[in-house]
């Protein structure tokens, strides 16, 4: 069999393959994070529900108007 004893693999093939794998998985993770944030994410839903609970507590008399205002400012940043 002639020609097979001179077959060589470039060391750059491993570096290129590893780089492409990191770029692929990194891009996939970034796409997933972007999709979650675009859909509203977890944080905005929690802030809205916390304000809704706060309004309900004010309406039922569990907290005073001052407590409501103080907590609302904290929740809204």
Protein backbone atom coordinates (compact mmCIF):
# COMPACT_ATOMS: atom_id res chain seq x y z
CA UNK A 1 0.00 0.00 0.00
CA UNK A 2 1.64 3.12 -1.13
CA UNK A 3 0.98 6.61 0.14
CA UNK A 4 -0.54 5.85 3.54
CA UNK A 5 2.69 6.05 5.49
CA UNK A 6 3.05 9.76 4.71
CA UNK A 7 -0.43 10.75 5.92
CA UNK A 8 -0.14 13.50 8.51
CA UNK A 9 -2.71 15.49 10.48
CA UNK A 10 -2.09 19.17 11.04
CA UNK A 11 -2.05 20.28 14.70
CA UNK A 12 -4.25 23.20 13.68
CA UNK A 13 -7.12 20.80 12.95
CA UNK A 14 -7.52 20.13 16.70
CA UNK A 15 -7.35 23.81 17.59
CA UNK A 16 -9.84 24.71 14.88
CA UNK A 17 -12.21 21.93 15.93
CA UNK A 18 -12.09 22.94 19.59
CA UNK A 19 -12.65 26.61 18.71
CA UNK A 20 -15.64 25.76 16.54
CA UNK A 21 -17.15 23.62 19.30
CA UNK A 22 -16.78 26.43 21.87
CA UNK A 23 -18.31 28.94 19.45
CA UNK A 24 -21.21 26.62 18.67
CA UNK A 25 -22.13 25.86 22.29
CA UNK A 26 -21.51 29.46 23.38
CA UNK A 27 -23.77 30.72 20.61
CA UNK A 28 -26.45 28.22 21.53
CA UNK A 29 -26.37 29.30 25.17
CA UNK A 30 -26.49 33.00 24.22
CA UNK A 31 -29.46 32.33 21.95
CA UNK A 32 -31.28 30.57 24.78
CA UNK A 33 -30.61 33.43 27.22
CA UNK A 34 -31.75 35.99 24.66
CA UNK A 35 -34.94 34.01 24.01
CA UNK A 36 -35.78 33.83 27.73
CA UNK A 37 -35.22 37.56 28.16
CA UNK A 38 -37.25 38.40 25.05
CA UNK A 39 -40.15 36.32 26.36
CA UNK A 40 -40.32 38.42 29.51
CA UNK A 41 -37.91 36.48 31.65
CA UNK A 42 -38.40 35.50 35.22
CA UNK A 43 -37.54 38.78 36.87
CA UNK A 44 -40.22 40.97 35.29
CA UNK A 45 -42.97 38.46 36.12
CA UNK A 46 -41.85 38.30 39.74
CA UNK A 47 -41.79 42.09 40.08
CA UNK A 48 -45.30 42.39 38.62
CA UNK A 49 -46.69 39.68 40.87
CA UNK A 50 -45.01 41.23 43.92
CA UNK A 51 -46.66 44.57 43.17
CA UNK A 52 -49.99 42.82 42.71
CA UNK A 53 -49.64 41.15 46.11
CA UNK A 54 -48.68 44.49 47.61
CA UNK A 55 -51.80 46.16 46.16
CA UNK A 56 -53.97 43.34 47.49
CA UNK A 57 -52.48 43.68 50.96
CA UNK A 58 -53.19 47.42 50.90
CA UNK A 59 -56.75 46.84 49.73
CA UNK A 60 -57.47 44.31 52.46
CA UNK A 61 -55.95 46.54 55.14
CA UNK A 62 -52.99 44.32 55.99
CA UNK A 63 -50.57 47.23 55.49
CA UNK A 64 -50.82 50.99 55.75
CA UNK A 65 -50.45 53.50 52.92
CA UNK A 66 -46.96 54.43 54.17
CA UNK A 67 -45.85 50.79 54.22
CA UNK A 68 -47.26 50.36 50.72
CA UNK A 69 -45.37 53.36 49.34
CA UNK A 70 -42.10 52.35 50.99
CA UNK A 71 -42.28 48.77 49.71
CA UNK A 72 -43.42 49.85 46.23
CA UNK A 73 -40.37 52.13 45.89
CA UNK A 74 -38.09 49.26 46.92
CA UNK A 75 -39.70 46.87 44.42
CA UNK A 76 -39.54 49.31 41.53
CA UNK A 77 -35.88 50.09 42.20
